[in-house]
Amino acid sequence: MGTGRKCQTRDFSWFSFYLALLLFGIQAYAQIRYSIPEEMKEGTVVGNVAKDLGLDITSLIDRGFRVVAGTEDAFFEVNQDNGALYVHKNIDREELCQRSGACLIELKILVENPLEMHYVVVEITDVNDHSPSFPEKQQTFEIAEHTLPGRRFQLHTARDPDAGMNSIRTYTLTSNDHFEIDISQSDEDKIPFLVLKKSLDREQKNKHTLLVTAVDGGKPPRSGTLNVSIVVLDINDNRPTFIRDIYQITVQENVPVGTLIFLMNATDPDEGTNGVIEYSLGKTLRRKVYDIFELDKSTGEIRVKGIVDYEENDNYKLDVEASDKGQPPLTGECRVIIKIKDVNDNPPEIEVTSLSNTVSEDSKPGTVISLLSVTDKDSGVNGKIISHITNDVPFELKPSYRENIYSVVTNGFLDREKVSHYEITIKATDCGEPPLSALKTLTIQISDVNDNSPQFPQNPLQFYLSENNVAGKSILSVSATDSDLNDNAAVSYHIMREGNQNDIMSFLNVNPENGHITALKSFDFETLKTFHFHVVASDSGTPSLSSNVTVHVFILDQNDNAPVILYPVSSNGSAEGVEEIPRNVNAGHLVTKVRAYDADIGYNGWLLFSLQEVTDHSLFGLDRYTGQIRTLRSFTETDEAEHRLVILVKDNGNVSLSATATVMVKLVEPKEAFAASDVKSSAKADEENNVTFYLMITLGSVSALFLISIIVLIAMQCSKPTDCTSKYLQETNYDGTLCHSIQYRSGDKRYMLVGPRMSIGSTIVPGSHANTLVLPDRRGASGEVRLYEQIFSQYGYVS
C-alpha cells in the first residue's frame, strides 16, 4: 500500500511541474549523460553539471540551481557552491531497474533568472553485489535402485539479479561416487541436471545428501547452495532401454509435414504397468525443435510438424525419454540426431560383412577371403560408387550380381615365406561433385603349410676332431633351418645308418632336438684318420619333409705316443746294447746308429737325438737327426777301454715325450775284434736262422695284407665324391716303393741303411724313420747273417 501511495504522489508532482512549464513557457536547453556503478557511497561526485552546462558557478545560488526530483526519493542532488552532481541516496540497480538491459535515471536541472531546464541522464552500471540463490533451499528426488547410469534429473535453477559477467556461470557438486552434474544451456539460462553415473543400491545406503553450488562470474565470485536429497526406492528396478544411445537419421529438406521420419523402439523387461512405455521429448531442447518435430507418446513415432529448412539448420538433436508407468516411473534416454540432406555431403561407407583374417599360403587363385558392401547415404549420381584396390597385392575385387556388393579374392599364388601378411586398402569413391571417397584396410595373415624342407647351411660339412676325445661327450653339432612356422619348422635329427656302413656309425649318436653329435668311443688317429656319415634333418609337418648332409670328420693327431727304441734292444727287451770297435779306427768312424720310431705324425713324430750321458765328450759325437754315433778322434793308449753312452730320444710335440737307450762301447785290439765277431756270428747262427725264417713268414703276410689294403683303398678312393680330398700330405720323399737300401763298408762289416726310397740327391730328414740292417762280410761264415733290426715303420709293423 505504501508503494502505491508513493507512485501516486510522484506522478502528481511531475504533472504539476509540467503544468508550470506550460504556463510559464520554460524551455529545455541541454542534455548531459553520466555513468556510475551502483552502490556508490552517498556524497560521491558524479560530475560537475554546472561546468558541463556552461553555467556561471558564482551565480548558482542566486539562480536557484537545483534538481527537480518530483518525489522525496531523490537519488542525486547538486551542490550550489561548485555545481557538482553527487549521490544523495544509495542506489540498487537490481531494485531500480530489475534485469532490464541498461539502467538509466533521467534528472532535470532547473535554474532561474532566466528560467532554464536541463536534462541529465545517469547510467547505473552493475556490480557483483548479489550472490546466486535457489528458489528453494532443499530439493528431493526419489530414485529407484538399479536405475541405469546416465539418467538425468533437472535441478532447481539458481537466479542472480546481477547481469553480464556477474550472472551465474557454472554449477558444482560435492564429490561422491554416484552422481555428477551436467549443465544445459537454454537461451540465457544455464539449467543444471543431476546425472546418475553409478547405480544405486538401497540395501547399502537408502539416502544420499548432496550439495549443489551455483557460482557467478564476478571477481571475486559469489555462490549459492542447494541441498539435494536422494531417496532410493526399492521397486520397479528396470528402466526402459533403447537399442542405441544415439540414433542418426537423414531427412531431405522440405519434407512434407506429417512425414514419419523415425520410429523409437524402447523395451522394458518389467510386466504390467511397469513395462508400459510412454515417450516424451526432453524439456531443455531449443524451442525451435518443438515447432518442427513431434513425438507420439504411445507409438514413439517422430513426425515432421513444421518446415524443414537446410539453410536454417543442418541438424537437430532430440533428447527422447522413455518412461514406464511404475511407481515411481523409470526413464531411459537416448539422442536422435537428424541430419538434413542438401548436397553431396555423405561419403561412401564400406562395410565388411565377412572376413577371413587368415589365408593358407597354398590357396589357389580365386579363393574368396572377404565379402563387403559399399553404401552411400546420398542418392542418384551422388550415390553411385566406384570401388577398387589401391595397392599392389595379389588380390582383386570381384563384383556380385547385386550392385555395390563385392568379394575379395586371390588373383595369384601366395608364399608366406616371402610375404607373411598383406594390408589390402579398398577405396570407394562416389560420382558426386566434388566426389567423396572412403578407405577400408583389410589385414590378411598368410598361414603356413609345410612346403619347405629343412636346409643345412652347406653340404658337405667338414669337422676336425682331435684324437683321444672323451667318450660320451659331444664332438660336433649340425644345424638345419626351416623357413616354415611352428611344427612345420620343428626340426629333428637322426643319423642315416645304411647297411654297407662300417662299424664306426654304431659309435655315433645324435641328439634329435639340437643336432649335437656324441661319440661313444675315443678315436685314435693312428688307427683311424677320417670317416664320414650322413645326418638327416626332418621337420614335424604333415607330411614330414627332410634333407640330409654328409659330414666328413678328420681326426687330428695328438702327441700321445712316446718314441720307441728299435735299436739297440737287448735280449730282455731293454734298450741296451754293446758295440765293440777296434782301437785303431780313425775319427769319423761309425760306431752304431740308434733307431727309434714314433707312431705320431708331423712334429709329434719328428724325433731328435741327444747325448744325455757320456764318459768322454771328446771321443764320441751323435747326429741329432739320424742317431748315428761316430768317433770324434782317434783313440790313444790312455783312453779307457769301455765307454757308456746314454742317448735321449724325444719328439717335438707341445709336450715332448721321450725315451732313452744305453750303448756300451768297448775298445778292442783289431785281431780280437775280428775274432769276437766270428765267435758271435757262429754262436747265434742257429738262432738267427730261426729269426730269418719267421721274418720271411711275417714279410709275406705283411706284403699280402699290404696289397689287399692298397686294392681296398683304391676302390674306396674311386667311390668317394670328387669334391672330398685328403687333408693330409704324404711324405714328400716317399715315392711308393716299400724300401730302399744304401750299403757301405766299415772295417770288416757291411752296413745297409733300409727305409723308404728317396729321390736321388735327397738326404735323411727328421721323421723319415730310416732303418739300418747290419750284415756280416761275405768273407766271413757263409750264409750267416746278423740281424739287428727289420722295420716297416712306414706301415707301423715292427719285428
Foldseek 3Di string as FASTA:
>chain_A
DVVVVQVVQLVVLVVVVVVVCVVVVAEADEEAEFEDAAQDDFFAWGFQPCVVVVHDLVCQVVFVKWKDRSGPPDQWIADSNRRTITGHDGDDQCVQPNQDDWRKDKIWIWTPPPTYIYIYIYTHAYALPWAWEFPDQEAEAEAEFLFDFFDKAWDTFTFTSTDDQSTWDDKAKPDDDFWGWDWDDAPPGITIIITTHDTDDCVVPQKDWMKMKIWGRHVVIHIYIHIYMYGYHHPLNWAWDFPDQEAEFEAEFQDDFFDFGDWGDIFTPDDDQSTQKFKDWDPRAHPVVVQFWDAGRRGRTITGRDGGDCVVPQKGKIWMWIWGRDVVIHIDIHIYIYGYDDFLPWAKDKAWPFAQQEAEQADDFFAWGTKIFIFTPDDDQSTAKDKWWDDDDQWTWDDDPDPRITTITGNDGGDCLVPFKDWTKMKMWGRGVVIHIDIDIRIHGYAWALPWAWDFPDAAAEEEFEFPDDAPDFGDFTDTFTSHDDQSTQKFKFWDDDPPDDPQVVQWGAGGRGRGIGGRDTDACLVDFKDKTKMKIWGRHVVIHIDIHIYIYGYDYALPWAKAWQPPADPVGAQEEEFEDALFDFFFAWGDATFIFTSTDDQSTFKFKDWPDKPDPQFWDAHGRGRTITGHGHHDPPDDQKMKTKMWMWGRGPDIHIDIHIYIYGYDHPVVVVVVVQVVLVVCQVVVVVVVVVVVVVVVVVVVVVVVVVVVVVVVVVVDDPVDDDPDDDDPFADPDQWDWDWDDDRQWIKIWIFGHGDPPDDDGGSRSIHIFIFGHCPHDHPGGDGRFDDSSVSPDGD
